[in-house]
Amino acid sequence: MKTLQYPVESDFEIKKSRFIGRVETIHSHAEGLARIAALWQQHPEARHVCYVMLVRGQVRQSDDGEPSGTAARPMLNVLQHKGLDNVLASVVRYFGGIKLGAGGLVRAYSQAISDPLNTAELIEVRPQSTVVIHFQYEHESLVRHLADQYGLNLDVQYAERVTAQVSGEIQALEPFLEMANSQLRGELIHDGACLNAP
């Protein structure tokens, strides 16, 4: 999957209606909803603020009063066609008094998102996760060394045993766990918790 290096925008007029499209990176639906609220504050006279949020493959969308299927769905189609994730696509519409019809709306909302994406700098998204492991104190330096080798981060807590949250790219976690367990001759305890990172 891909996301944006930088936010991109479009601003155009069709039959006196102004469409302001924006696509930007987000990391949660809550972040996206806060951005939509900010758009309403920036554009209090707008008739519609339609949006699509894609976060870790989960979709949230709104036609915001436009006829069903004429705003968010075409915007989502553009995002999916580009293979994007962790993005918010929003379109602010100032109604110009002339109805565009369903086909006109679909074209306008698609264009408001596709035009800026044509010049966007896309970057690869590598899924992240976190696992919790437990091990004896004498193995800490080995576990830290392996985590460094695999490009993973450790958040260590000390109690009767060492407990560490290991976070990083999913594709690095599995081989790290296998290698650590092998090096510690089966003494590594992985509690099975795998938490999706934001």
Protein backbone atom coordinates (compact mmCIF):
# COMPACT_ATOMS: atom_id res chain seq x y z
CA MET A 1 0.00 0.00 0.00
CA LYS A 2 0.99 3.61 -0.49
CA THR A 3 0.34 6.94 1.16
CA LEU A 4 1.28 10.54 0.45
CA GLN A 5 4.60 12.19 1.16
CA TYR A 6 2.86 15.60 1.29
CA PRO A 7 -0.77 16.79 1.16
CA VAL A 8 -2.09 17.70 -2.30
CA GLU A 9 -4.97 19.99 -3.30
CA SER A 10 -7.18 21.02 -6.19
CA ASP A 11 -9.49 23.99 -6.60
CA PHE A 12 -11.78 24.42 -9.61
CA GLU A 13 -15.24 25.57 -10.65
CA ILE A 14 -17.97 23.72 -12.56
CA LYS A 15 -21.20 25.58 -13.42
CA LYS A 16 -20.57 28.14 -10.67
CA SER A 17 -19.98 25.48 -7.99
CA ARG A 18 -16.52 25.58 -6.44
CA PHE A 19 -14.83 22.28 -5.52
CA ILE A 20 -11.79 22.25 -3.21
CA GLY A 21 -10.24 18.80 -3.04
CA ARG A 22 -7.52 17.71 -0.64
CA VAL A 23 -5.78 14.40 0.01
CA GLU A 24 -3.52 14.01 3.04
CA THR A 25 -1.98 11.36 5.25
CA ILE A 26 -3.76 10.43 8.50
CA HIS A 27 -3.07 7.73 11.08
CA SER A 28 -6.52 7.28 12.64
CA HIS A 29 -10.18 7.94 11.95
CA ALA A 30 -10.22 10.34 14.93
CA GLU A 31 -7.46 12.39 13.28
CA GLY A 32 -9.49 12.45 10.05
CA LEU A 33 -12.67 13.58 11.82
CA ALA A 34 -10.73 16.38 13.52
CA ARG A 35 -9.47 17.48 10.10
CA ILE A 36 -13.06 17.49 8.72
CA ALA A 37 -14.19 19.63 11.68
CA ALA A 38 -11.33 22.05 10.90
CA LEU A 39 -12.44 22.22 7.25
CA TRP A 40 -15.94 23.24 8.36
CA GLN A 41 -14.38 26.01 10.47
CA GLN A 42 -12.28 27.18 7.50
CA HIS A 43 -15.25 27.04 5.11
CA PRO A 44 -18.39 27.90 7.15
CA GLU A 45 -20.29 28.99 4.01
CA ALA A 46 -19.69 25.69 2.17
CA ARG A 47 -22.73 23.57 1.33
CA HIS A 48 -20.96 20.18 1.62
CA VAL A 49 -17.75 18.70 3.01
CA CYS A 50 -17.63 15.15 1.67
CA TYR A 51 -14.86 12.77 2.65
CA VAL A 52 -13.35 9.31 2.57
CA MET A 53 -10.93 8.01 5.18
CA LEU A 54 -8.86 4.89 4.59
CA VAL A 55 -6.94 3.80 7.69
CA ARG A 56 -5.29 0.36 7.71
CA GLY A 57 -7.84 -0.76 5.12
CA GLN A 58 -10.85 0.42 7.15
CA VAL A 59 -13.12 2.88 5.30
CA ARG A 60 -15.19 5.70 6.75
CA GLN A 61 -17.02 8.01 4.34
CA SER A 62 -19.71 10.65 4.01
CA ASP A 63 -21.65 12.13 1.08
CA ASP A 64 -22.68 14.95 3.47
CA GLY A 65 -26.09 15.53 1.90
CA GLU A 66 -25.12 14.96 -1.74
CA PRO A 67 -27.20 12.26 -3.48
CA SER A 68 -26.10 8.83 -2.28
CA GLY A 69 -23.16 7.41 -4.22
CA THR A 70 -22.28 10.65 -6.02
CA ALA A 71 -19.47 11.96 -3.79
CA ALA A 72 -17.75 9.54 -1.40
CA ARG A 73 -17.96 6.45 -3.61
CA PRO A 74 -16.21 8.03 -6.62
CA MET A 75 -13.60 9.51 -4.26
CA LEU A 76 -13.03 6.05 -2.73
CA ASN A 77 -12.69 4.53 -6.20
CA VAL A 78 -9.87 6.98 -7.02
CA LEU A 79 -8.04 6.19 -3.76
CA GLN A 80 -8.36 2.43 -4.27
CA HIS A 81 -7.26 2.68 -7.91
CA LYS A 82 -4.07 4.44 -6.70
CA GLY A 83 -3.55 1.77 -4.01
CA LEU A 84 -3.60 4.30 -1.17
CA ASP A 85 -4.03 3.73 2.57
CA ASN A 86 -3.81 5.92 5.68
CA VAL A 87 -5.29 8.88 3.81
CA LEU A 88 -8.12 11.37 4.10
CA ALA A 89 -9.67 12.62 0.86
CA SER A 90 -11.98 15.59 1.36
CA VAL A 91 -13.89 17.85 -0.99
CA VAL A 92 -15.42 21.15 0.09
CA ARG A 93 -18.24 22.26 -2.24
CA TYR A 94 -19.63 25.75 -2.52
CA PHE A 95 -22.95 25.37 -4.38
CA GLY A 96 -23.26 27.78 -7.29
CA GLY A 97 -27.02 27.50 -7.82
CA ILE A 98 -26.92 25.15 -10.83
CA LYS A 99 -27.56 21.44 -10.24
CA LEU A 100 -24.98 19.16 -11.85
CA GLY A 101 -26.98 15.92 -11.89
CA ALA A 102 -25.71 12.59 -10.60
CA GLY A 103 -23.23 12.08 -13.45
CA GLY A 104 -21.88 15.61 -13.11
CA LEU A 105 -21.38 15.18 -9.37
CA VAL A 106 -19.57 11.86 -9.82
CA ARG A 107 -17.21 13.46 -12.35
CA ALA A 108 -16.62 16.54 -10.19
CA TYR A 109 -15.86 14.62 -6.99
CA SER A 110 -13.63 12.17 -8.88
CA GLN A 111 -11.74 15.04 -10.51
CA ALA A 112 -11.33 16.87 -7.19
CA ILE A 113 -9.34 13.88 -5.88
CA SER A 114 -7.71 12.48 -9.03
CA ASP A 115 -6.27 15.79 -10.30
CA PRO A 116 -4.07 16.47 -7.26
CA LEU A 117 -3.07 12.80 -6.99
CA ASN A 118 -1.67 12.94 -10.53
CA THR A 119 1.19 15.09 -9.20
CA ALA A 120 1.41 13.60 -5.69
CA GLU A 121 4.58 12.04 -4.36
CA LEU A 122 3.59 8.59 -3.10
CA ILE A 123 5.52 6.54 -0.56
CA GLU A 124 5.25 2.86 0.34
CA VAL A 125 3.44 2.06 3.61
CA ARG A 126 4.90 -0.83 5.53
CA PRO A 127 2.46 -2.26 8.08
CA GLN A 128 3.61 -1.85 11.68
CA SER A 129 2.79 -3.92 14.74
CA THR A 130 3.82 -4.49 18.35
CA VAL A 131 4.41 -7.75 20.23
CA VAL A 132 5.10 -8.33 23.92
CA ILE A 133 7.90 -10.69 24.95
CA HIS A 134 9.31 -11.84 28.31
CA PHE A 135 12.83 -13.10 29.04
CA GLN A 136 15.45 -13.38 31.79
CA TYR A 137 17.70 -10.40 32.61
CA GLU A 138 20.85 -12.11 31.33
CA HIS A 139 19.38 -12.21 27.80
CA GLU A 140 18.62 -8.48 27.53
CA SER A 141 21.77 -7.51 25.60
CA LEU A 142 21.17 -10.33 23.07
CA VAL A 143 17.52 -9.31 22.60
CA ARG A 144 18.54 -5.65 22.16
CA HIS A 145 21.19 -6.64 19.61
CA LEU A 146 18.67 -8.72 17.61
CA ALA A 147 16.08 -5.92 17.74
CA ASP A 148 18.69 -3.51 16.32
CA GLN A 149 19.57 -6.01 13.57
CA TYR A 150 15.92 -6.22 12.49
CA GLY A 151 15.27 -2.47 12.80
CA LEU A 152 12.82 -2.88 15.68
CA ASN A 153 12.18 -0.68 18.72
CA LEU A 154 12.15 -1.98 22.30
CA ASP A 155 10.23 -0.53 25.23
CA VAL A 156 11.58 -2.45 28.23
CA GLN A 157 10.11 -2.81 31.72
CA TYR A 158 11.76 -4.65 34.59
CA ALA A 159 10.05 -6.90 37.12
CA GLU A 160 10.67 -10.56 38.01
CA ARG A 161 11.56 -10.95 34.33
CA VAL A 162 12.18 -8.43 31.59
CA THR A 163 9.05 -7.51 29.64
CA ALA A 164 9.54 -5.74 26.33
CA GLN A 165 7.16 -4.31 23.79
CA VAL A 166 8.82 -4.83 20.43
CA SER A 167 7.50 -2.63 17.64
CA GLY A 168 8.30 -2.18 13.99
CA GLU A 169 7.52 -3.55 10.55
CA ILE A 170 5.41 -6.71 10.63
CA GLN A 171 7.70 -8.40 8.10
CA ALA A 172 10.63 -8.00 10.56
CA LEU A 173 8.82 -9.13 13.72
CA GLU A 174 8.33 -12.79 12.80
CA PRO A 175 11.97 -13.51 11.87
CA PHE A 176 13.09 -11.56 14.97
CA LEU A 177 10.90 -13.74 17.21
CA GLU A 178 12.17 -16.93 15.56
CA MET A 179 15.82 -15.88 15.87
CA ALA A 180 15.43 -14.66 19.47
CA ASN A 181 13.68 -17.86 20.50
CA SER A 182 16.37 -19.94 18.78
CA GLN A 183 19.23 -17.95 20.38
CA LEU A 184 17.59 -18.19 23.82
CA ARG A 185 16.99 -21.92 23.32
CA GLY A 186 13.23 -21.64 23.76
CA GLU A 187 13.36 -19.44 26.87
CA LEU A 188 11.70 -16.46 25.17
CA ILE A 189 8.04 -16.10 26.10
CA HIS A 190 5.87 -14.45 23.48
CA ASP A 191 2.43 -13.85 24.95
CA GLY A 192 0.75 -14.00 21.55
CA ALA A 193 -0.38 -10.38 21.74
CA CYS A 194 0.03 -8.65 18.43
CA LEU A 195 -1.14 -5.07 18.53
CA ASN A 196 -1.68 -3.04 15.39
CA ALA A 197 0.29 0.14 15.69
CA PRO A 198 -1.33 3.44 14.63
